[in-house]
C-alpha atoms as a PDB file:
ATOM      1  CA  UNK A   1     -60.122  14.701 101.638  1.00  0.00           C
ATOM      2  CA  UNK A   2     -57.919  17.644 102.449  1.00  0.00           C
ATOM      3  CA  UNK A   3     -56.583  18.297 105.937  1.00  0.00           C
ATOM      4  CA  UNK A   4     -55.071  21.574 107.059  1.00  0.00           C
ATOM      5  CA  UNK A   5     -53.443  21.869 110.464  1.00  0.00           C
ATOM      6  CA  UNK A   6     -52.168  25.220 111.694  1.00  0.00           C
ATOM      7  CA  UNK A   7     -49.702  25.868 114.487  1.00  0.00           C
ATOM      8  CA  UNK A   8     -47.551  28.648 115.870  1.00  0.00           C
ATOM      9  CA  UNK A   9     -50.022  31.137 117.269  1.00  0.00           C
ATOM     10  CA  UNK A  10     -49.686  32.697 120.683  1.00  0.00           C
ATOM     11  CA  UNK A  11     -49.236  35.842 122.709  1.00  0.00           C
ATOM     12  CA  UNK A  12     -46.631  38.347 121.614  1.00  0.00           C
ATOM     13  CA  UNK A  13     -45.763  41.937 122.477  1.00  0.00           C
ATOM     14  CA  UNK A  14     -46.018  44.730 119.917  1.00  0.00           C
ATOM     15  CA  UNK A  15     -42.956  44.724 117.703  1.00  0.00           C
ATOM     16  CA  UNK A  16     -42.423  41.024 118.239  1.00  0.00           C
ATOM     17  CA  UNK A  17     -42.448  38.125 115.806  1.00  0.00           C
ATOM     18  CA  UNK A  18     -44.278  34.858 115.305  1.00  0.00           C
ATOM     19  CA  UNK A  19     -44.115  32.143 112.690  1.00  0.00           C
ATOM     20  CA  UNK A  20     -47.246  30.279 111.702  1.00  0.00           C
ATOM     21  CA  UNK A  21     -47.200  26.915 109.981  1.00  0.00           C
ATOM     22  CA  UNK A  22     -49.883  25.061 108.061  1.00  0.00           C
ATOM     23  CA  UNK A  23     -49.445  21.429 107.104  1.00  0.00           C
ATOM     24  CA  UNK A  24     -51.661  20.334 104.240  1.00  0.00           C
ATOM     25  CA  UNK A  25     -52.220  16.666 103.487  1.00  0.00           C
ATOM     26  CA  UNK A  26     -54.618  14.403 101.667  1.00  0.00           C
ATOM     27  CA  UNK A  27     -55.705  14.756  98.065  1.00  0.00           C
ATOM     28  CA  UNK A  28     -53.623  17.828  97.290  1.00  0.00           C
ATOM     29  CA  UNK A  29     -51.283  18.985  94.598  1.00  0.00           C
ATOM     30  CA  UNK A  30     -48.147  21.044  94.887  1.00  0.00           C
ATOM     31  CA  UNK A  31     -49.764  23.583  92.568  1.00  0.00           C
ATOM     32  CA  UNK A  32     -52.733  24.279  94.810  1.00  0.00           C
ATOM     33  CA  UNK A  33     -52.933  27.955  95.724  1.00  0.00           C
ATOM     34  CA  UNK A  34     -52.598  28.367  99.471  1.00  0.00           C
ATOM     35  CA  UNK A  35     -52.711  31.255 101.827  1.00  0.00           C
ATOM     36  CA  UNK A  36     -53.482  32.795 105.171  1.00  0.00           C
ATOM     37  CA  UNK A  37     -56.569  34.711 106.175  1.00  0.00           C
ATOM     38  CA  UNK A  38     -57.472  36.240 109.516  1.00  0.00           C
ATOM     39  CA  UNK A  39     -60.560  37.240 111.411  1.00  0.00           C
ATOM     40  CA  UNK A  40     -60.479  39.746 114.228  1.00  0.00           C
ATOM     41  CA  UNK A  41     -63.299  39.961 116.798  1.00  0.00           C
ATOM     42  CA  UNK A  42     -66.346  41.587 115.278  1.00  0.00           C
ATOM     43  CA  UNK A  43     -64.817  41.754 111.812  1.00  0.00           C
ATOM     44  CA  UNK A  44     -65.052  39.768 108.608  1.00  0.00           C
ATOM     45  CA  UNK A  45     -62.400  37.312 107.566  1.00  0.00           C
ATOM     46  CA  UNK A  46     -59.781  39.001 105.400  1.00  0.00           C
ATOM     47  CA  UNK A  47     -56.932  37.924 103.186  1.00  0.00           C
ATOM     48  CA  UNK A  48     -53.445  38.207 104.658  1.00  0.00           C
ATOM     49  CA  UNK A  49     -51.223  36.537 102.073  1.00  0.00           C
ATOM     50  CA  UNK A  50     -51.403  33.932  99.338  1.00  0.00           C
ATOM     51  CA  UNK A  51     -48.839  31.926  97.433  1.00  0.00           C
ATOM     52  CA  UNK A  52     -49.054  29.754  94.345  1.00  0.00           C
ATOM     53  CA  UNK A  53     -46.286  27.585  92.981  1.00  0.00           C
ATOM     54  CA  UNK A  54     -44.772  29.317  89.993  1.00  0.00           C
ATOM     55  CA  UNK A  55     -45.951  32.818  90.832  1.00  0.00           C
ATOM     56  CA  UNK A  56     -45.069  35.441  93.364  1.00  0.00           C
ATOM     57  CA  UNK A  57     -46.747  35.908  96.717  1.00  0.00           C
ATOM     58  CA  UNK A  58     -49.603  38.305  97.254  1.00  0.00           C
ATOM     59  CA  UNK A  59     -50.038  40.379 100.419  1.00  0.00           C
ATOM     60  CA  UNK A  60     -52.648  42.583 101.965  1.00  0.00           C
ATOM     61  CA  UNK A  61     -51.474  46.191 102.083  1.00  0.00           C
ATOM     62  CA  UNK A  62     -51.670  46.150 105.872  1.00  0.00           C
ATOM     63  CA  UNK A  63     -48.966  43.468 106.172  1.00  0.00           C
ATOM     64  CA  UNK A  64     -46.646  44.290 103.273  1.00  0.00           C
ATOM     65  CA  UNK A  65     -43.063  44.629 104.430  1.00  0.00           C
ATOM     66  CA  UNK A  66     -43.810  42.907 107.751  1.00  0.00           C
ATOM     67  CA  UNK A  67     -45.136  39.448 106.838  1.00  0.00           C
ATOM     68  CA  UNK A  68     -43.572  36.844 104.554  1.00  0.00           C
ATOM     69  CA  UNK A  69     -45.362  33.807 103.179  1.00  0.00           C
ATOM     70  CA  UNK A  70     -43.480  30.764 101.933  1.00  0.00           C
ATOM     71  CA  UNK A  71     -44.212  27.145 101.096  1.00  0.00           C
ATOM     72  CA  UNK A  72     -42.388  23.838 101.170  1.00  0.00           C
ATOM     73  CA  UNK A  73     -43.628  21.220  98.696  1.00  0.00           C
ATOM     74  CA  UNK A  74     -42.793  17.717  99.852  1.00  0.00           C
ATOM     75  CA  UNK A  75     -43.863  14.437  98.262  1.00  0.00           C
ATOM     76  CA  UNK A  76     -47.197  13.995 100.039  1.00  0.00           C
ATOM     77  CA  UNK A  77     -47.571  17.194 102.018  1.00  0.00           C
ATOM     78  CA  UNK A  78     -47.310  20.903 101.522  1.00  0.00           C
ATOM     79  CA  UNK A  79     -46.399  23.233 104.349  1.00  0.00           C
ATOM     80  CA  UNK A  80     -47.087  26.937 104.204  1.00  0.00           C
ATOM     81  CA  UNK A  81     -45.446  29.366 106.581  1.00  0.00           C
ATOM     82  CA  UNK A  82     -46.264  32.905 107.587  1.00  0.00           C
ATOM     83  CA  UNK A  83     -43.404  34.802 109.170  1.00  0.00           C
ATOM     84  CA  UNK A  84     -44.858  37.779 111.002  1.00  0.00           C
ATOM     85  CA  UNK A  85     -42.534  40.546 112.133  1.00  0.00           C
ATOM     86  CA  UNK A  86     -43.119  43.957 113.683  1.00  0.00           C
ATOM     87  CA  UNK A  87     -46.476  42.805 114.974  1.00  0.00           C
ATOM     88  CA  UNK A  88     -49.055  45.417 115.871  1.00  0.00           C
ATOM     89  CA  UNK A  89     -52.093  45.400 118.138  1.00  0.00           C
ATOM     90  CA  UNK A  90     -54.299  45.318 115.048  1.00  0.00           C
ATOM     91  CA  UNK A  91     -52.761  42.037 113.933  1.00  0.00           C
ATOM     92  CA  UNK A  92     -54.630  40.302 116.741  1.00  0.00           C
ATOM     93  CA  UNK A  93     -56.929  37.734 115.142  1.00  0.00           C
ATOM     94  CA  UNK A  94     -57.549  34.092 114.484  1.00  0.00           C
ATOM     95  CA  UNK A  95     -55.411  33.121 111.521  1.00  0.00           C
ATOM     96  CA  UNK A  96     -56.746  30.518 109.121  1.00  0.00           C
ATOM     97  CA  UNK A  97     -54.892  28.488 106.543  1.00  0.00           C
ATOM     98  CA  UNK A  98     -56.602  28.174 103.176  1.00  0.00           C
ATOM     99  CA  UNK A  99     -56.165  25.835 100.219  1.00  0.00           C
ATOM    100  CA  UNK A 100     -57.989  26.140  96.922  1.00  0.00           C
ATOM    101  CA  UNK A 101     -58.734  23.142  94.759  1.00  0.00           C
ATOM    102  CA  UNK A 102     -61.284  22.582  91.986  1.00  0.00           C
ATOM    103  CA  UNK A 103     -63.107  25.806  92.813  1.00  0.00           C
ATOM    104  CA  UNK A 104     -63.441  24.762  96.469  1.00  0.00           C
ATOM    105  CA  UNK A 105     -61.972  26.361  99.549  1.00  0.00           C
ATOM    106  CA  UNK A 106     -60.574  24.285 102.372  1.00  0.00           C
ATOM    107  CA  UNK A 107     -59.886  25.797 105.781  1.00  0.00           C
ATOM    108  CA  UNK A 108     -57.980  24.884 108.867  1.00  0.00           C
ATOM    109  CA  UNK A 109     -59.440  25.346 112.337  1.00  0.00           C
ATOM    110  CA  UNK A 110     -57.400  28.475 112.929  1.00  0.00           C
ATOM    111  CA  UNK A 111     -54.722  29.581 115.343  1.00  0.00           C
ATOM    112  CA  UNK A 112     -55.049  32.584 117.637  1.00  0.00           C
ATOM    113  CA  UNK A 113     -52.501  35.389 117.502  1.00  0.00           C
ATOM    114  CA  UNK A 114     -52.733  37.946 120.271  1.00  0.00           C
ATOM    115  CA  UNK A 115     -50.583  41.062 120.221  1.00  0.00           C
ATOM    116  CA  UNK A 116     -50.649  42.676 123.615  1.00  0.00           C
ATOM    117  CA  UNK A 117     -48.378  44.462 126.030  1.00  0.00           C
END
C-alpha cells in the first residue's frame, strides 16, 4: 500500500507564495517518480511538475520560473515539496500529489489552493 498525504494549501493573494508538501509512505522506493498535478473547477487535471531521483525536474510551461519542486528521500518516507511563488488567479485549483510505481498511479486526496484578492 502507498499513502500520500498533502498539506500546505490555503488562501493567498495574487503575487503571494505557498509551499505544498506531500508525504509518501508504505511500499515505496526512493526512485519512484513523483509530482504535482492540479485541477481547476470545470477543467481537466493537468501536470504541474514532476521529479525523479537522478534526473532533473519537469515543469508545465505555465509555472516555469515561479514554481519549484523538490524531494527529500528519508529511510521509509519520501516527501515532495512544491514551492509556489508569484501566484496568479489562474493557479487556483486542487493540487494533487502523484507517485508512479509499477505502471500504476497513486494519488493523494488533494489540497485546495485559492488565489484571490
